[in-house]
Amino acid sequence: MPETPTHPRTVLLTGAAGFIGSHTAEALLARGDRVVGVDNLDDFYAPEMKRRTLEGLASAPGGAGFTFAESDIRDADRMGALLSEHRVTDIIHLAARAGVRPSIQKPALYADVNVNGTMVLLEAARVAGVERFVMASSSSVYGNNEKVPFAETDDVSAPISPYAATKRACELIAHSHHHLYGMPIACLRFFTVFGPRQRPDLAIMKFMRLISAGESIPVFGDGSTSRDFTFIDDIVTGVLAALERIPEHGYRVWNLGGNHPVSLSEMIETVAAAVGTPAKIDRQPMQPGDVNRTYADLSRSSAELGYEPRTPFDEGVRRQWVWARDALGVGR
C-alpha cells in the first residue's frame, strides 16, 4: 500500500458524520492529516447518531486536527469559503443521498444532491486550486450486468435506479472536469460496505436489530441474490490509497470490493450465527431497482493501488455485531 505522506495534508471530507466518512476521517487524523469535515446532518437517519460520531472524532487519535462544518454541499459560497479558509489541499467527497429504493420515491432530490452537489464541489475545487479529488461512486452503476466479475472497463450505460444513474452521472461529470482543467480525480465504486457504524437502514444492521429482538426479517426474493460485501477497514485503506495514487493517473475509476460474493441466504445465516438467534423469515417479492448480484473485479485496483481486502465476511459480521451490542445496546 502507498506510504503515509511525508507531510500533513488538509483534506475536506464530505459526509464526515456518516458511516464511511467517519472511518475515513479517523484514518486521516491518525496519520497526522488535518480534516475539515462537512455534513448537513440530514435526517435520512437519526441526526443524533451522527452527532455522537462527530464527538468521537474530536476525541480520536489526532482529533485536534479535526474541524467540523455543518453545511450542505450544494452551498457553493460556503464550500468555496471553507476551501479558502482552511487552505485545503485535497477533497474526499463521500456525501450523497444514499439508497436504491428511496431514490425511486425521490428521484429529483437524489439528482439535486448527488449530481448538483458534486458539480458544486468540483467547481469550488477548481477555483481553490485543490490538488486531488477522490469521490465515492457505487457498484450500482453496473446494473444487472450479466458478465461477472464487474470490471471498470465494462459497459455501465444501463443503470436501473435513479441512485445508480446519479452515481454514473457524477463519474461522467468528473471525467469532463478533469479533461478541461486537469485536476486528478478518482472515482471509487464501493461494493456493499459493512461494519461498525453501518447505517441503520442497511440489511446487516437492520437484520441484527430484528433477529436479536425475535422479530421476522423481510427477505426480498428467494435468497439467491448476492452481494460482494466489503468491510469498512478495507474500504478506507482503498480510499487512502486512491488519494495518494491518483496524481499518477489523472482520472481513474477503481473498484473497491470484497471479491467474494455472498448470497442473501448465506448472509442471513452468518448474521444469525453472530447474534446467536435463529432468523425468522418474512418472504417478500423482489423490489424494483435491486440488482441480482454484485461482484468486483479487483485486477485494476490491486495492480494500481495495492488494494487487497483482508477481512473475511464472517469475521466482519462478528465485529459489527460486537459494536452493535456494546455501543448501541442491540439485543440487550
C-alpha atoms as a PDB file:
ATOM      1  CA  MET A   1       0.000   0.000   0.000  1.00  0.00           C
ATOM      2  CA  PRO A   2       1.110   3.613  -0.508  1.00  0.00           C
ATOM      3  CA  GLU A   3       3.106   5.050   2.344  1.00  0.00           C
ATOM      4  CA  THR A   4       1.875   7.774   4.646  1.00  0.00           C
ATOM      5  CA  PRO A   5       2.592  11.238   3.203  1.00  0.00           C
ATOM      6  CA  THR A   6       5.811  12.845   4.398  1.00  0.00           C
ATOM      7  CA  HIS A   7       3.929  15.993   5.382  1.00  0.00           C
ATOM      8  CA  PRO A   8       0.382  16.544   6.683  1.00  0.00           C
ATOM      9  CA  ARG A   9      -2.311  17.353   4.160  1.00  0.00           C
ATOM     10  CA  THR A  10      -5.536  19.260   4.692  1.00  0.00           C
ATOM     11  CA  VAL A  11      -8.496  17.254   3.458  1.00  0.00           C
ATOM     12  CA  LEU A  12     -12.065  18.485   3.031  1.00  0.00           C
ATOM     13  CA  LEU A  13     -14.120  15.378   3.756  1.00  0.00           C
ATOM     14  CA  THR A  14     -17.806  15.471   2.853  1.00  0.00           C
ATOM     15  CA  GLY A  15     -20.195  13.107   4.613  1.00  0.00           C
ATOM     16  CA  ALA A  16     -17.822  13.137   7.583  1.00  0.00           C
ATOM     17  CA  ALA A  17     -20.504  12.252  10.140  1.00  0.00           C
ATOM     18  CA  GLY A  18     -21.635   9.190   8.204  1.00  0.00           C
ATOM     19  CA  PHE A  19     -20.570   5.576   8.173  1.00  0.00           C
ATOM     20  CA  ILE A  20     -17.752   5.543   5.613  1.00  0.00           C
ATOM     21  CA  GLY A  21     -16.912   9.202   6.172  1.00  0.00           C
ATOM     22  CA  SER A  22     -16.260   8.890   9.899  1.00  0.00           C
ATOM     23  CA  HIS A  23     -13.975   5.884   9.467  1.00  0.00           C
ATOM     24  CA  THR A  24     -12.085   7.720   6.729  1.00  0.00           C
ATOM     25  CA  ALA A  25     -11.726  10.743   8.990  1.00  0.00           C
ATOM     26  CA  GLU A  26     -10.279   8.578  11.766  1.00  0.00           C
ATOM     27  CA  ALA A  27      -7.680   7.135   9.402  1.00  0.00           C
ATOM     28  CA  LEU A  28      -6.661  10.541   8.059  1.00  0.00           C
ATOM     29  CA  LEU A  29      -6.366  12.018  11.539  1.00  0.00           C
ATOM     30  CA  ALA A  30      -4.391   9.031  12.814  1.00  0.00           C
ATOM     31  CA  ARG A  31      -1.742   9.557  10.147  1.00  0.00           C
ATOM     32  CA  GLY A  32      -1.443  13.257  11.004  1.00  0.00           C
ATOM     33  CA  ASP A  33      -3.566  14.945   8.336  1.00  0.00           C
ATOM     34  CA  ARG A  34      -5.884  17.852   9.069  1.00  0.00           C
ATOM     35  CA  VAL A  35      -9.533  17.133   8.291  1.00  0.00           C
ATOM     36  CA  VAL A  36     -12.287  19.643   7.582  1.00  0.00           C
ATOM     37  CA  GLY A  37     -15.434  17.570   7.947  1.00  0.00           C
ATOM     38  CA  VAL A  38     -18.580  18.670   6.131  1.00  0.00           C
ATOM     39  CA  ASP A  39     -22.014  17.172   6.763  1.00  0.00           C
ATOM     40  CA  ASN A  40     -25.525  18.607   6.748  1.00  0.00           C
ATOM     41  CA  LEU A  41     -26.694  16.034   9.356  1.00  0.00           C
ATOM     42  CA  ASP A  42     -29.571  15.064   7.096  1.00  0.00           C
ATOM     43  CA  ASP A  43     -32.479  13.212   8.730  1.00  0.00           C
ATOM     44  CA  PHE A  44     -32.289  10.235   6.326  1.00  0.00           C
ATOM     45  CA  TYR A  45     -31.409   8.527   9.582  1.00  0.00           C
ATOM     46  CA  ALA A  46     -31.208   9.909  13.124  1.00  0.00           C
ATOM     47  CA  PRO A  47     -29.009  13.048  13.281  1.00  0.00           C
ATOM     48  CA  GLU A  48     -28.200  12.296  16.916  1.00  0.00           C
ATOM     49  CA  MET A  49     -26.292   9.207  15.771  1.00  0.00           C
ATOM     50  CA  LYS A  50     -24.170  11.426  13.545  1.00  0.00           C
ATOM     51  CA  ARG A  51     -23.569  13.910  16.335  1.00  0.00           C
ATOM     52  CA  ARG A  52     -22.299  11.116  18.590  1.00  0.00           C
ATOM     53  CA  THR A  53     -19.994  10.022  15.795  1.00  0.00           C
ATOM     54  CA  LEU A  54     -18.630  13.560  15.471  1.00  0.00           C
ATOM     55  CA  GLU A  55     -17.961  13.675  19.211  1.00  0.00           C
ATOM     56  CA  GLY A  56     -15.943  10.501  18.818  1.00  0.00           C
ATOM     57  CA  LEU A  57     -13.867  12.017  16.018  1.00  0.00           C
ATOM     58  CA  ALA A  58     -12.952  15.007  18.144  1.00  0.00           C
ATOM     59  CA  SER A  59     -11.560  12.689  20.823  1.00  0.00           C
ATOM     60  CA  ALA A  60      -9.918  10.188  18.445  1.00  0.00           C
ATOM     61  CA  PRO A  61      -6.120   9.991  17.956  1.00  0.00           C
ATOM     62  CA  GLY A  62      -5.187  13.129  16.057  1.00  0.00           C
ATOM     63  CA  GLY A  63      -8.619  14.599  16.816  1.00  0.00           C
ATOM     64  CA  ALA A  64      -7.140  18.035  17.460  1.00  0.00           C
ATOM     65  CA  GLY A  65      -6.735  18.247  13.697  1.00  0.00           C
ATOM     66  CA  PHE A  66     -10.474  17.836  13.068  1.00  0.00           C
ATOM     67  CA  THR A  67     -12.738  20.773  12.245  1.00  0.00           C
ATOM     68  CA  PHE A  68     -16.439  20.316  11.573  1.00  0.00           C
ATOM     69  CA  ALA A  69     -18.691  22.484   9.431  1.00  0.00           C
ATOM     70  CA  GLU A  70     -22.402  21.731   9.344  1.00  0.00           C
ATOM     71  CA  SER A  71     -23.218  22.634   5.765  1.00  0.00           C
ATOM     72  CA  ASP A  72     -24.822  21.426   2.537  1.00  0.00           C
ATOM     73  CA  ILE A  73     -22.513  20.549  -0.352  1.00  0.00           C
ATOM     74  CA  ARG A  74     -24.861  22.425  -2.701  1.00  0.00           C
ATOM     75  CA  ASP A  75     -23.973  25.707  -0.972  1.00  0.00           C
ATOM     76  CA  ALA A  76     -21.318  26.992  -3.387  1.00  0.00           C
ATOM     77  CA  ASP A  77     -20.388  30.057  -1.335  1.00  0.00           C
ATOM     78  CA  ARG A  78     -19.888  28.008   1.821  1.00  0.00           C
ATOM     79  CA  MET A  79     -17.848  25.324   0.057  1.00  0.00           C
ATOM     80  CA  GLY A  80     -15.615  27.946  -1.526  1.00  0.00           C
ATOM     81  CA  ALA A  81     -15.120  29.718   1.778  1.00  0.00           C
ATOM     82  CA  LEU A  82     -14.146  26.500   3.574  1.00  0.00           C
ATOM     83  CA  LEU A  83     -11.605  25.575   0.918  1.00  0.00           C
ATOM     84  CA  SER A  84     -10.051  29.025   1.068  1.00  0.00           C
ATOM     85  CA  GLU A  85     -10.148  29.487   4.839  1.00  0.00           C
ATOM     86  CA  HIS A  86      -8.522  26.143   5.609  1.00  0.00           C
ATOM     87  CA  ARG A  87      -6.180  26.066   2.604  1.00  0.00           C
ATOM     88  CA  VAL A  88      -7.488  22.661   1.629  1.00  0.00           C
ATOM     89  CA  THR A  89      -5.123  20.538  -0.465  1.00  0.00           C
ATOM     90  CA  ASP A  90      -7.411  17.552  -1.164  1.00  0.00           C
ATOM     91  CA  ILE A  91     -11.105  16.677  -1.253  1.00  0.00           C
ATOM     92  CA  ILE A  92     -12.604  13.295  -0.400  1.00  0.00           C
ATOM     93  CA  HIS A  93     -16.246  13.525  -1.434  1.00  0.00           C
ATOM     94  CA  LEU A  94     -18.420  10.873   0.232  1.00  0.00           C
ATOM     95  CA  ALA A  95     -21.621  12.847   0.891  1.00  0.00           C
ATOM     96  CA  ALA A  96     -24.710  11.761  -1.061  1.00  0.00           C
ATOM     97  CA  ARG A  97     -28.331  10.844  -0.812  1.00  0.00           C
ATOM     98  CA  ALA A  98     -27.927   7.096  -0.410  1.00  0.00           C
ATOM     99  CA  GLY A  99     -30.064   4.077  -1.140  1.00  0.00           C
ATOM    100  CA  VAL A 100     -31.551   2.487  -4.236  1.00  0.00           C
ATOM    101  CA  ARG A 101     -35.154   2.106  -3.053  1.00  0.00           C
ATOM    102  CA  PRO A 102     -35.556   5.623  -1.573  1.00  0.00           C
ATOM    103  CA  SER A 103     -34.224   7.108  -4.812  1.00  0.00           C
ATOM    104  CA  ILE A 104     -37.232   5.685  -6.657  1.00  0.00           C
ATOM    105  CA  GLN A 105     -39.530   7.716  -4.391  1.00  0.00           C
ATOM    106  CA  LYS A 106     -37.469  10.937  -4.583  1.00  0.00           C
ATOM    107  CA  PRO A 107     -35.541  10.939  -7.869  1.00  0.00           C
ATOM    108  CA  ALA A 108     -35.357  14.735  -8.225  1.00  0.00           C
ATOM    109  CA  LEU A 109     -33.886  15.133  -4.735  1.00  0.00           C
ATOM    110  CA  TYR A 110     -31.282  12.464  -5.459  1.00  0.00           C
ATOM    111  CA  ALA A 111     -30.304  14.170  -8.698  1.00  0.00           C
ATOM    112  CA  ASP A 112     -30.041  17.553  -6.998  1.00  0.00           C
ATOM    113  CA  VAL A 113     -27.933  16.431  -4.036  1.00  0.00           C
ATOM    114  CA  ASN A 114     -25.739  13.892  -5.778  1.00  0.00           C
ATOM    115  CA  VAL A 115     -25.185  15.440  -9.191  1.00  0.00           C
ATOM    116  CA  ASN A 116     -25.503  19.154  -8.464  1.00  0.00           C
ATOM    117  CA  GLY A 117     -23.646  18.799  -5.167  1.00  0.00           C
ATOM    118  CA  THR A 118     -20.741  17.092  -6.910  1.00  0.00           C
ATOM    119  CA  MET A 119     -20.632  19.770  -9.585  1.00  0.00           C
ATOM    120  CA  VAL A 120     -20.541  22.492  -6.924  1.00  0.00           C
ATOM    121  CA  LEU A 121     -17.602  20.806  -5.188  1.00  0.00           C
ATOM    122  CA  LEU A 122     -15.663  20.275  -8.407  1.00  0.00           C
ATOM    123  CA  GLU A 123     -16.025  23.908  -9.390  1.00  0.00           C
ATOM    124  CA  ALA A 124     -15.087  25.103  -5.896  1.00  0.00           C
ATOM    125  CA  ALA A 125     -12.048  22.809  -6.036  1.00  0.00           C
ATOM    126  CA  ARG A 126     -11.003  24.283  -9.388  1.00  0.00           C
ATOM    127  CA  VAL A 127     -11.229  27.851  -8.104  1.00  0.00           C
ATOM    128  CA  ALA A 128      -9.319  26.999  -4.917  1.00  0.00           C
ATOM    129  CA  GLY A 129      -6.566  25.074  -6.702  1.00  0.00           C
ATOM    130  CA  VAL A 130      -7.237  21.789  -4.891  1.00  0.00           C
ATOM    131  CA  GLU A 131      -4.580  19.219  -5.775  1.00  0.00           C
ATOM    132  CA  ARG A 132      -6.538  15.958  -5.630  1.00  0.00           C
ATOM    133  CA  PHE A 133     -10.191  14.913  -5.653  1.00  0.00           C
ATOM    134  CA  VAL A 134     -11.484  11.469  -4.603  1.00  0.00           C
ATOM    135  CA  MET A 135     -15.194  10.727  -4.857  1.00  0.00           C
ATOM    136  CA  ALA A 136     -17.480   7.859  -3.954  1.00  0.00           C
ATOM    137  CA  SER A 137     -19.257   6.094  -6.756  1.00  0.00           C
ATOM    138  CA  SER A 138     -21.098   2.787  -6.392  1.00  0.00           C
ATOM    139  CA  SER A 139     -21.239  -0.777  -7.660  1.00  0.00           C
ATOM    140  CA  SER A 140     -24.858   0.014  -8.575  1.00  0.00           C
ATOM    141  CA  VAL A 141     -23.608   1.672 -11.779  1.00  0.00           C
ATOM    142  CA  TYR A 142     -23.082  -1.819 -13.226  1.00  0.00           C
ATOM    143  CA  GLY A 143     -26.830  -2.503 -13.167  1.00  0.00           C
ATOM    144  CA  ASN A 144     -27.749  -6.089 -13.982  1.00  0.00           C
ATOM    145  CA  ASN A 145     -24.547  -6.735 -15.876  1.00  0.00           C
ATOM    146  CA  GLU A 146     -24.515 -10.378 -16.966  1.00  0.00           C
ATOM    147  CA  LYS A 147     -20.713 -10.537 -17.036  1.00  0.00           C
ATOM    148  CA  VAL A 148     -19.005 -11.212 -13.721  1.00  0.00           C
ATOM    149  CA  PRO A 149     -16.898 -10.124 -12.049  1.00  0.00           C
ATOM    150  CA  PHE A 150     -17.642  -6.452 -12.821  1.00  0.00           C
ATOM    151  CA  ALA A 151     -14.645  -4.627 -14.288  1.00  0.00           C
ATOM    152  CA  GLU A 152     -14.106  -0.880 -14.599  1.00  0.00           C
ATOM    153  CA  THR A 153     -13.967  -1.291 -18.391  1.00  0.00           C
ATOM    154  CA  ASP A 154     -17.472  -2.832 -18.568  1.00  0.00           C
ATOM    155  CA  ASP A 155     -20.371  -1.001 -20.196  1.00  0.00           C
ATOM    156  CA  VAL A 156     -22.209   0.937 -17.478  1.00  0.00           C
ATOM    157  CA  SER A 157     -24.760   2.671 -19.677  1.00  0.00           C
ATOM    158  CA  ALA A 158     -27.798   0.862 -18.232  1.00  0.00           C
ATOM    159  CA  PRO A 159     -28.309   1.760 -14.536  1.00  0.00           C
ATOM    160  CA  ILE A 160     -31.624   0.506 -13.148  1.00  0.00           C
ATOM    161  CA  SER A 161     -32.317   3.008 -10.361  1.00  0.00           C
ATOM    162  CA  PRO A 162     -32.171   6.801 -10.016  1.00  0.00           C
ATOM    163  CA  TYR A 163     -29.445   6.409  -7.371  1.00  0.00           C
ATOM    164  CA  ALA A 164     -27.279   4.385  -9.742  1.00  0.00           C
ATOM    165  CA  ALA A 165     -27.917   6.883 -12.533  1.00  0.00           C
ATOM    166  CA  THR A 166     -26.764   9.778 -10.342  1.00  0.00           C
ATOM    167  CA  LYS A 167     -23.549   7.967  -9.452  1.00  0.00           C
ATOM    168  CA  ARG A 168     -22.773   7.279 -13.105  1.00  0.00           C
ATOM    169  CA  ALA A 169     -23.581  10.905 -13.918  1.00  0.00           C
ATOM    170  CA  CYS A 170     -21.063  12.026 -11.306  1.00  0.00           C
ATOM    171  CA  GLU A 171     -18.377   9.859 -12.895  1.00  0.00           C
ATOM    172  CA  LEU A 172     -19.047  11.465 -16.281  1.00  0.00           C
ATOM    173  CA  ILE A 173     -19.038  14.972 -14.816  1.00  0.00           C
ATOM    174  CA  ALA A 174     -15.728  14.219 -13.118  1.00  0.00           C
ATOM    175  CA  HIS A 175     -14.276  12.979 -16.400  1.00  0.00           C
ATOM    176  CA  SER A 176     -15.235  16.146 -18.248  1.00  0.00           C
ATOM    177  CA  HIS A 177     -13.916  18.296 -15.411  1.00  0.00           C
ATOM    178  CA  HIS A 178     -10.555  16.525 -15.477  1.00  0.00           C
ATOM    179  CA  HIS A 179     -10.394  16.858 -19.264  1.00  0.00           C
ATOM    180  CA  LEU A 180     -10.986  20.593 -19.073  1.00  0.00           C
ATOM    181  CA  TYR A 181      -8.922  21.524 -16.029  1.00  0.00           C
ATOM    182  CA  GLY A 182      -6.513  18.663 -15.327  1.00  0.00           C
ATOM    183  CA  MET A 183      -7.269  18.154 -11.625  1.00  0.00           C
ATOM    184  CA  PRO A 184      -6.595  14.500 -10.702  1.00  0.00           C
ATOM    185  CA  ILE A 185      -9.908  12.771  -9.882  1.00  0.00           C
ATOM    186  CA  ALA A 186     -10.523   9.254  -8.593  1.00  0.00           C
ATOM    187  CA  CYS A 187     -13.984   7.660  -8.747  1.00  0.00           C
ATOM    188  CA  LEU A 188     -14.323   4.738  -6.334  1.00  0.00           C
ATOM    189  CA  ARG A 189     -17.027   2.152  -6.938  1.00  0.00           C
ATOM    190  CA  PHE A 190     -17.842   0.846  -3.459  1.00  0.00           C
ATOM    191  CA  PHE A 191     -19.327  -2.647  -3.167  1.00  0.00           C
ATOM    192  CA  THR A 192     -21.816  -3.066  -0.251  1.00  0.00           C
ATOM    193  CA  VAL A 193     -19.836  -1.710   2.676  1.00  0.00           C
ATOM    194  CA  PHE A 194     -20.497  -3.057   6.173  1.00  0.00           C
ATOM    195  CA  GLY A 195     -19.003  -2.887   9.655  1.00  0.00           C
ATOM    196  CA  PRO A 196     -19.294  -0.808  12.855  1.00  0.00           C
ATOM    197  CA  ARG A 197     -21.397   2.347  12.445  1.00  0.00           C
ATOM    198  CA  GLN A 198     -23.150   0.991   9.364  1.00  0.00           C
ATOM    199  CA  ARG A 199     -26.321   2.929   8.512  1.00  0.00           C
ATOM    200  CA  PRO A 200     -29.345   1.506  10.356  1.00  0.00           C
ATOM    201  CA  ASP A 201     -31.359   1.069   7.133  1.00  0.00           C
ATOM    202  CA  LEU A 202     -28.818  -1.284   5.542  1.00  0.00           C
ATOM    203  CA  ALA A 203     -29.501  -5.009   5.607  1.00  0.00           C
ATOM    204  CA  ILE A 204     -26.886  -6.341   8.017  1.00  0.00           C
ATOM    205  CA  MET A 205     -27.570  -3.688  10.657  1.00  0.00           C
ATOM    206  CA  LYS A 206     -31.318  -3.975  10.187  1.00  0.00           C
ATOM    207  CA  PHE A 207     -31.221  -7.771  10.408  1.00  0.00           C
ATOM    208  CA  MET A 208     -29.088  -7.703  13.560  1.00  0.00           C
ATOM    209  CA  ARG A 209     -31.634  -5.489  15.255  1.00  0.00           C
ATOM    210  CA  LEU A 210     -34.655  -7.555  14.177  1.00  0.00           C
ATOM    211  CA  ILE A 211     -33.153 -11.002  14.770  1.00  0.00           C
ATOM    212  CA  SER A 212     -31.912 -10.084  18.256  1.00  0.00           C
ATOM    213  CA  ALA A 213     -35.414  -8.820  19.100  1.00  0.00           C
ATOM    214  CA  GLY A 214     -37.026 -12.051  17.909  1.00  0.00           C
ATOM    215  CA  GLU A 215     -38.793 -10.269  15.043  1.00  0.00           C
ATOM    216  CA  SER A 216     -39.104 -11.509  11.476  1.00  0.00           C
ATOM    217  CA  ILE A 217     -36.857 -10.060   8.792  1.00  0.00           C
ATOM    218  CA  PRO A 218     -38.120  -9.055   5.331  1.00  0.00           C
ATOM    219  CA  VAL A 219     -36.400 -11.090   2.619  1.00  0.00           C
ATOM    220  CA  PHE A 220     -36.951  -9.922  -0.941  1.00  0.00           C
ATOM    221  CA  GLY A 221     -36.885 -12.787  -3.435  1.00  0.00           C
ATOM    222  CA  ASP A 222     -35.793 -16.376  -2.896  1.00  0.00           C
ATOM    223  CA  GLY A 223     -32.499 -15.565  -1.175  1.00  0.00           C
ATOM    224  CA  SER A 224     -30.327 -16.289  -4.198  1.00  0.00           C
ATOM    225  CA  THR A 225     -29.373 -12.670  -4.931  1.00  0.00           C
ATOM    226  CA  SER A 226     -25.807 -11.938  -3.890  1.00  0.00           C
ATOM    227  CA  ARG A 227     -23.615  -9.005  -2.888  1.00  0.00           C
ATOM    228  CA  ASP A 228     -19.870  -8.508  -2.774  1.00  0.00           C
ATOM    229  CA  PHE A 229     -19.726  -7.330   0.846  1.00  0.00           C
ATOM    230  CA  THR A 230     -16.710  -5.197   1.772  1.00  0.00           C
ATOM    231  CA  PHE A 231     -15.600  -4.500   5.335  1.00  0.00           C
ATOM    232  CA  ILE A 232     -15.184  -0.849   6.231  1.00  0.00           C
ATOM    233  CA  ASP A 233     -11.470  -1.120   7.118  1.00  0.00           C
ATOM    234  CA  ASP A 234     -10.714  -2.442   3.642  1.00  0.00           C
ATOM    235  CA  ILE A 235     -12.701   0.365   2.025  1.00  0.00           C
ATOM    236  CA  VAL A 236     -10.830   3.032   3.997  1.00  0.00           C
ATOM    237  CA  THR A 237      -7.498   1.507   3.012  1.00  0.00           C
ATOM    238  CA  GLY A 238      -8.583   1.777  -0.620  1.00  0.00           C
ATOM    239  CA  VAL A 239      -9.750   5.370  -0.242  1.00  0.00           C
ATOM    240  CA  LEU A 240      -6.415   6.484   1.201  1.00  0.00           C
ATOM    241  CA  ALA A 241      -4.512   4.558  -1.464  1.00  0.00           C
ATOM    242  CA  ALA A 242      -6.542   6.293  -4.174  1.00  0.00           C
ATOM    243  CA  LEU A 243      -5.804   9.684  -2.617  1.00  0.00           C
ATOM    244  CA  GLU A 244      -2.078   9.002  -2.791  1.00  0.00           C
ATOM    245  CA  ARG A 245      -2.004   7.428  -6.245  1.00  0.00           C
ATOM    246  CA  ILE A 246      -4.457   9.488  -8.284  1.00  0.00           C
ATOM    247  CA  PRO A 247      -1.871  12.090  -9.431  1.00  0.00           C
ATOM    248  CA  GLU A 248      -0.174   9.274 -11.377  1.00  0.00           C
ATOM    249  CA  HIS A 249      -3.345   8.596 -13.358  1.00  0.00           C
ATOM    250  CA  GLY A 250      -5.173  11.895 -13.835  1.00  0.00           C
ATOM    251  CA  TYR A 251      -8.695  10.466 -13.992  1.00  0.00           C
ATOM    252  CA  ARG A 252      -9.330   6.896 -12.899  1.00  0.00           C
ATOM    253  CA  VAL A 253     -12.171   4.614 -11.833  1.00  0.00           C
ATOM    254  CA  TRP A 254     -11.373   1.902  -9.297  1.00  0.00           C
ATOM    255  CA  ASN A 255     -13.488  -0.891  -7.844  1.00  0.00           C
ATOM    256  CA  LEU A 256     -13.251  -1.363  -4.077  1.00  0.00           C
ATOM    257  CA  GLY A 257     -14.921  -4.645  -3.195  1.00  0.00           C
ATOM    258  CA  GLY A 258     -14.574  -7.781  -1.132  1.00  0.00           C
ATOM    259  CA  ASN A 259     -14.067 -10.063  -4.144  1.00  0.00           C
ATOM    260  CA  HIS A 260     -16.211 -12.795  -2.557  1.00  0.00           C
ATOM    261  CA  PRO A 261     -19.962 -12.519  -3.269  1.00  0.00           C
ATOM    262  CA  VAL A 262     -22.295 -13.772  -0.555  1.00  0.00           C
ATOM    263  CA  SER A 263     -25.888 -14.836  -1.222  1.00  0.00           C
ATOM    264  CA  LEU A 264     -28.709 -13.258   0.730  1.00  0.00           C
ATOM    265  CA  SER A 265     -29.471 -16.601   2.375  1.00  0.00           C
ATOM    266  CA  GLU A 266     -25.840 -17.053   3.408  1.00  0.00           C
ATOM    267  CA  MET A 267     -25.708 -13.501   4.719  1.00  0.00           C
ATOM    268  CA  ILE A 268     -28.763 -14.117   6.903  1.00  0.00           C
ATOM    269  CA  GLU A 269     -27.252 -17.345   8.268  1.00  0.00           C
ATOM    270  CA  THR A 270     -23.996 -15.540   9.101  1.00  0.00           C
ATOM    271  CA  VAL A 271     -25.784 -12.676  10.853  1.00  0.00           C
ATOM    272  CA  ALA A 272     -27.989 -15.090  12.819  1.00  0.00           C
ATOM    273  CA  ALA A 273     -24.919 -17.070  13.901  1.00  0.00           C
ATOM    274  CA  ALA A 274     -23.201 -13.904  15.139  1.00  0.00           C
ATOM    275  CA  VAL A 275     -26.297 -12.807  17.041  1.00  0.00           C
ATOM    276  CA  GLY A 276     -26.848 -16.309  18.380  1.00  0.00           C
ATOM    277  CA  THR A 277     -30.549 -16.429  17.473  1.00  0.00           C
ATOM    278  CA  PRO A 278     -32.301 -18.156  14.538  1.00  0.00           C
ATOM    279  CA  ALA A 279     -33.754 -15.830  11.900  1.00  0.00           C
ATOM    280  CA  LYS A 280     -37.491 -15.671  11.226  1.00  0.00           C
ATOM    281  CA  ILE A 281     -38.029 -15.080   7.510  1.00  0.00           C
ATOM    282  CA  ASP A 282     -40.789 -12.906   6.027  1.00  0.00           C
ATOM    283  CA  ARG A 283     -40.569 -13.728   2.313  1.00  0.00           C
ATOM    284  CA  GLN A 284     -41.462 -10.831   0.002  1.00  0.00           C
ATOM    285  CA  PRO A 285     -41.247 -10.142  -3.744  1.00  0.00           C
ATOM    286  CA  MET A 286     -38.129  -8.657  -5.335  1.00  0.00           C
ATOM    287  CA  GLN A 287     -38.026  -4.871  -5.172  1.00  0.00           C
ATOM    288  CA  PRO A 288     -37.763  -2.554  -8.196  1.00  0.00           C
ATOM    289  CA  GLY A 289     -34.244  -1.212  -8.722  1.00  0.00           C
ATOM    290  CA  ASP A 290     -32.487  -4.036  -6.863  1.00  0.00           C
ATOM    291  CA  VAL A 291     -29.749  -5.764  -8.851  1.00  0.00           C
ATOM    292  CA  ASN A 292     -29.414  -9.541  -8.858  1.00  0.00           C
ATOM    293  CA  ARG A 293     -25.749  -9.643  -7.882  1.00  0.00           C
ATOM    294  CA  THR A 294     -22.564  -7.643  -7.478  1.00  0.00           C
ATOM    295  CA  TYR A 295     -19.029  -8.945  -7.816  1.00  0.00           C
ATOM    296  CA  ALA A 296     -15.930  -6.744  -8.056  1.00  0.00           C
ATOM    297  CA  ASP A 297     -13.072  -7.436 -10.424  1.00  0.00           C
ATOM    298  CA  LEU A 298     -10.127  -6.116  -8.403  1.00  0.00           C
ATOM    299  CA  SER A 299      -7.428  -6.544 -11.059  1.00  0.00           C
ATOM    300  CA  ARG A 300      -7.022  -2.801 -11.650  1.00  0.00           C
ATOM    301  CA  SER A 301      -7.239  -1.663  -8.023  1.00  0.00           C
ATOM    302  CA  SER A 302      -4.871  -4.432  -6.953  1.00  0.00           C
ATOM    303  CA  ALA A 303      -2.282  -3.560  -9.589  1.00  0.00           C
ATOM    304  CA  GLU A 304      -2.520   0.221  -9.278  1.00  0.00           C
ATOM    305  CA  LEU A 305      -3.425   0.747  -5.622  1.00  0.00           C
ATOM    306  CA  GLY A 306      -2.067  -2.376  -3.995  1.00  0.00           C
ATOM    307  CA  TYR A 307      -5.645  -2.924  -2.805  1.00  0.00           C
ATOM    308  CA  GLU A 308      -6.367  -6.282  -1.206  1.00  0.00           C
ATOM    309  CA  PRO A 309      -9.406  -6.901   1.010  1.00  0.00           C
ATOM    310  CA  ARG A 310      -8.273  -8.645   4.175  1.00  0.00           C
ATOM    311  CA  THR A 311     -11.392  -9.097   6.315  1.00  0.00           C
ATOM    312  CA  PRO A 312     -13.430 -12.291   5.761  1.00  0.00           C
ATOM    313  CA  PHE A 313     -17.184 -11.777   5.722  1.00  0.00           C
ATOM    314  CA  ASP A 314     -17.930 -13.796   8.854  1.00  0.00           C
ATOM    315  CA  GLU A 315     -15.222 -12.002  10.828  1.00  0.00           C
ATOM    316  CA  GLY A 316     -16.526  -8.610   9.710  1.00  0.00           C
ATOM    317  CA  VAL A 317     -20.072  -9.542  10.714  1.00  0.00           C
ATOM    318  CA  ARG A 318     -18.873 -10.641  14.163  1.00  0.00           C
ATOM    319  CA  ARG A 319     -17.049  -7.330  14.600  1.00  0.00           C
ATOM    320  CA  GLN A 320     -20.130  -5.389  13.561  1.00  0.00           C
ATOM    321  CA  TRP A 321     -22.291  -7.355  15.981  1.00  0.00           C
ATOM    322  CA  VAL A 322     -19.913  -6.699  18.900  1.00  0.00           C
ATOM    323  CA  TRP A 323     -20.103  -2.986  18.101  1.00  0.00           C
ATOM    324  CA  ALA A 324     -23.901  -3.021  17.753  1.00  0.00           C
ATOM    325  CA  ARG A 325     -24.275  -4.838  21.062  1.00  0.00           C
ATOM    326  CA  ASP A 326     -21.739  -2.812  23.033  1.00  0.00           C
ATOM    327  CA  ALA A 327     -22.158   0.659  21.510  1.00  0.00           C
ATOM    328  CA  LEU A 328     -25.882   0.624  20.707  1.00  0.00           C
ATOM    329  CA  GLY A 329     -27.199  -1.929  23.175  1.00  0.00           C
ATOM    330  CA  VAL A 330     -28.738  -4.015  20.398  1.00  0.00           C
ATOM    331  CA  GLY A 331     -30.002  -7.312  21.763  1.00  0.00           C
ATOM    332  CA  ARG A 332     -29.894  -6.197  25.381  1.00  0.00           C
END
